[in-house]
Amino acid sequence: MKEHNITADAAKMILLGVIVEQESLAAKLKKERLEKPTSKEILQYFEAIELYVGGSCYWHSTAPRYQMERNPKPGRQMGTQNTNSTGVYMECKDAIRIFVD
């Protein structure tokens, strides 16, 4: 937000646009590939990728270790368990926080 001088709501909308754009591109590329002769292995690969991504995002959004503390204990920085060494949030559901923190 600070880098682009935008509000939290604007950052969320930008990120939503990026996500929708990338999902649309992935769907388009898959459709184009499936219009060509496709082996059983390629079909299994596409299914595996989709299951992996969906499962990974679901797990990251529901696993207790990745949940943000809404009211952290005094003296504890909120969300420290969810950051890497640079302070960037790592989970799918927290991707918006990259832009708003």
C-alpha atoms as a PDB file:
ATOM      1  CA  MET A   1       0.000   0.000   0.000  1.00  0.00           C
ATOM      2  CA  LYS A   2       2.695   2.444   0.964  1.00  0.00           C
ATOM      3  CA  GLU A   3       4.704   1.699  -2.172  1.00  0.00           C
ATOM      4  CA  HIS A   4       1.730   2.438  -4.442  1.00  0.00           C
ATOM      5  CA  ASN A   5       0.130   5.068  -2.177  1.00  0.00           C
ATOM      6  CA  ILE A   6      -3.254   3.324  -2.149  1.00  0.00           C
ATOM      7  CA  THR A   7      -5.823   2.427   0.500  1.00  0.00           C
ATOM      8  CA  ALA A   8      -6.355  -1.051   1.936  1.00  0.00           C
ATOM      9  CA  ASP A   9      -9.617  -1.390   0.008  1.00  0.00           C
ATOM     10  CA  ALA A  10      -7.913  -0.402  -3.243  1.00  0.00           C
ATOM     11  CA  ALA A  11      -5.108  -2.897  -2.587  1.00  0.00           C
ATOM     12  CA  LYS A  12      -7.641  -5.667  -1.998  1.00  0.00           C
ATOM     13  CA  MET A  13      -9.395  -4.846  -5.263  1.00  0.00           C
ATOM     14  CA  ILE A  14      -6.096  -4.825  -7.169  1.00  0.00           C
ATOM     15  CA  LEU A  15      -5.127  -8.172  -5.696  1.00  0.00           C
ATOM     16  CA  LEU A  16      -8.539  -9.620  -6.500  1.00  0.00           C
ATOM     17  CA  GLY A  17      -8.068  -8.478 -10.094  1.00  0.00           C
ATOM     18  CA  VAL A  18      -4.639 -10.125 -10.285  1.00  0.00           C
ATOM     19  CA  ILE A  19      -6.012 -13.389  -8.878  1.00  0.00           C
ATOM     20  CA  VAL A  20      -8.961 -13.456 -11.279  1.00  0.00           C
ATOM     21  CA  GLU A  21      -6.673 -12.617 -14.212  1.00  0.00           C
ATOM     22  CA  GLN A  22      -4.227 -15.414 -13.356  1.00  0.00           C
ATOM     23  CA  GLU A  23      -7.001 -17.963 -12.811  1.00  0.00           C
ATOM     24  CA  SER A  24      -8.513 -17.009 -16.168  1.00  0.00           C
ATOM     25  CA  LEU A  25      -5.139 -17.387 -17.860  1.00  0.00           C
ATOM     26  CA  ALA A  26      -4.632 -20.829 -16.299  1.00  0.00           C
ATOM     27  CA  ALA A  27      -8.093 -21.949 -17.438  1.00  0.00           C
ATOM     28  CA  LYS A  28      -7.429 -20.628 -20.966  1.00  0.00           C
ATOM     29  CA  LEU A  29      -4.070 -22.411 -21.209  1.00  0.00           C
ATOM     30  CA  LYS A  30      -5.622 -25.658 -19.963  1.00  0.00           C
ATOM     31  CA  LYS A  31      -8.478 -25.384 -22.476  1.00  0.00           C
ATOM     32  CA  GLU A  32      -6.038 -24.714 -25.326  1.00  0.00           C
ATOM     33  CA  ARG A  33      -3.923 -27.718 -24.349  1.00  0.00           C
ATOM     34  CA  LEU A  34      -6.949 -29.994 -24.069  1.00  0.00           C
ATOM     35  CA  GLU A  35      -8.056 -29.057 -27.598  1.00  0.00           C
ATOM     36  CA  LYS A  36      -5.015 -30.987 -28.858  1.00  0.00           C
ATOM     37  CA  PRO A  37      -4.704 -34.761 -28.639  1.00  0.00           C
ATOM     38  CA  THR A  38      -4.143 -35.422 -24.955  1.00  0.00           C
ATOM     39  CA  SER A  39      -2.705 -38.471 -23.252  1.00  0.00           C
ATOM     40  CA  LYS A  40      -4.114 -40.036 -20.123  1.00  0.00           C
ATOM     41  CA  GLU A  41      -0.987 -38.870 -18.294  1.00  0.00           C
ATOM     42  CA  ILE A  42      -1.589 -35.217 -19.231  1.00  0.00           C
ATOM     43  CA  LEU A  43      -5.190 -35.440 -18.022  1.00  0.00           C
ATOM     44  CA  GLN A  44      -3.996 -36.949 -14.734  1.00  0.00           C
ATOM     45  CA  TYR A  45      -1.390 -34.202 -14.430  1.00  0.00           C
ATOM     46  CA  PHE A  46      -3.996 -31.444 -14.830  1.00  0.00           C
ATOM     47  CA  GLU A  47      -6.254 -33.110 -12.279  1.00  0.00           C
ATOM     48  CA  ALA A  48      -3.384 -33.546  -9.828  1.00  0.00           C
ATOM     49  CA  ILE A  49      -2.342 -29.880 -10.139  1.00  0.00           C
ATOM     50  CA  GLU A  50      -5.910 -28.693  -9.543  1.00  0.00           C
ATOM     51  CA  LEU A  51      -6.331 -30.956  -6.517  1.00  0.00           C
ATOM     52  CA  TYR A  52      -2.956 -29.902  -5.116  1.00  0.00           C
ATOM     53  CA  VAL A  53      -3.637 -26.172  -5.408  1.00  0.00           C
ATOM     54  CA  GLY A  54      -7.166 -26.428  -4.048  1.00  0.00           C
ATOM     55  CA  GLY A  55      -6.079 -28.644  -1.166  1.00  0.00           C
ATOM     56  CA  SER A  56      -3.082 -26.480  -0.357  1.00  0.00           C
ATOM     57  CA  CYS A  57      -5.113 -23.279  -0.191  1.00  0.00           C
ATOM     58  CA  TYR A  58      -7.801 -24.980   1.874  1.00  0.00           C
ATOM     59  CA  TRP A  59      -5.241 -26.419   4.299  1.00  0.00           C
ATOM     60  CA  HIS A  60      -3.416 -23.110   4.666  1.00  0.00           C
ATOM     61  CA  SER A  61      -6.676 -21.265   5.288  1.00  0.00           C
ATOM     62  CA  THR A  62      -7.895 -23.694   7.963  1.00  0.00           C
ATOM     63  CA  ALA A  63      -4.779 -25.090   9.693  1.00  0.00           C
ATOM     64  CA  PRO A  64      -4.440 -23.602  13.195  1.00  0.00           C
ATOM     65  CA  ARG A  65      -0.734 -22.928  12.737  1.00  0.00           C
ATOM     66  CA  TYR A  66      -1.502 -20.457   9.948  1.00  0.00           C
ATOM     67  CA  GLN A  67      -4.309 -18.539  11.635  1.00  0.00           C
ATOM     68  CA  MET A  68      -3.732 -14.911  12.548  1.00  0.00           C
ATOM     69  CA  GLU A  69      -4.258 -14.045  16.178  1.00  0.00           C
ATOM     70  CA  ARG A  70      -7.007 -11.458  16.414  1.00  0.00           C
ATOM     71  CA  ASN A  71      -6.075 -10.397  19.962  1.00  0.00           C
ATOM     72  CA  PRO A  72      -2.432 -11.284  20.569  1.00  0.00           C
ATOM     73  CA  LYS A  73      -1.095 -11.590  24.085  1.00  0.00           C
ATOM     74  CA  PRO A  74       0.586  -8.454  25.457  1.00  0.00           C
ATOM     75  CA  GLY A  75       4.169  -8.212  24.255  1.00  0.00           C
ATOM     76  CA  ARG A  76       3.658 -10.583  21.308  1.00  0.00           C
ATOM     77  CA  GLN A  77       3.661  -9.182  17.798  1.00  0.00           C
ATOM     78  CA  MET A  78       0.517 -10.121  15.911  1.00  0.00           C
ATOM     79  CA  GLY A  79       0.982 -12.674  13.138  1.00  0.00           C
ATOM     80  CA  THR A  80       4.636 -13.432  13.692  1.00  0.00           C
ATOM     81  CA  GLN A  81       4.085 -17.148  13.150  1.00  0.00           C
ATOM     82  CA  ASN A  82       2.813 -16.404   9.640  1.00  0.00           C
ATOM     83  CA  THR A  83       5.785 -14.547   8.262  1.00  0.00           C
ATOM     84  CA  ASN A  84       9.061 -15.489   6.687  1.00  0.00           C
ATOM     85  CA  SER A  85      12.325 -13.750   7.565  1.00  0.00           C
ATOM     86  CA  THR A  86      11.356 -10.678   5.525  1.00  0.00           C
ATOM     87  CA  GLY A  87       7.950 -10.331   7.192  1.00  0.00           C
ATOM     88  CA  VAL A  88       5.978 -11.344   4.076  1.00  0.00           C
ATOM     89  CA  TYR A  89       2.859 -13.388   4.803  1.00  0.00           C
ATOM     90  CA  MET A  90       3.027 -16.853   3.297  1.00  0.00           C
ATOM     91  CA  GLU A  91      -0.538 -18.212   3.180  1.00  0.00           C
ATOM     92  CA  CYS A  92      -3.144 -18.123   0.400  1.00  0.00           C
ATOM     93  CA  LYS A  93      -5.876 -16.499   2.464  1.00  0.00           C
ATOM     94  CA  ASP A  94      -3.424 -13.938   3.789  1.00  0.00           C
ATOM     95  CA  ALA A  95      -2.089 -12.910   0.375  1.00  0.00           C
ATOM     96  CA  ILE A  96      -4.015  -9.646   0.561  1.00  0.00           C
ATOM     97  CA  ARG A  97      -1.999  -8.686   3.645  1.00  0.00           C
ATOM     98  CA  ILE A  98       1.118  -8.446   1.482  1.00  0.00           C
ATOM     99  CA  PHE A  99      -0.436  -5.316   0.009  1.00  0.00           C
ATOM    100  CA  VAL A 100      -2.059  -3.905   3.122  1.00  0.00           C
ATOM    101  CA  ASP A 101       0.657  -4.303   5.765  1.00  0.00           C
END
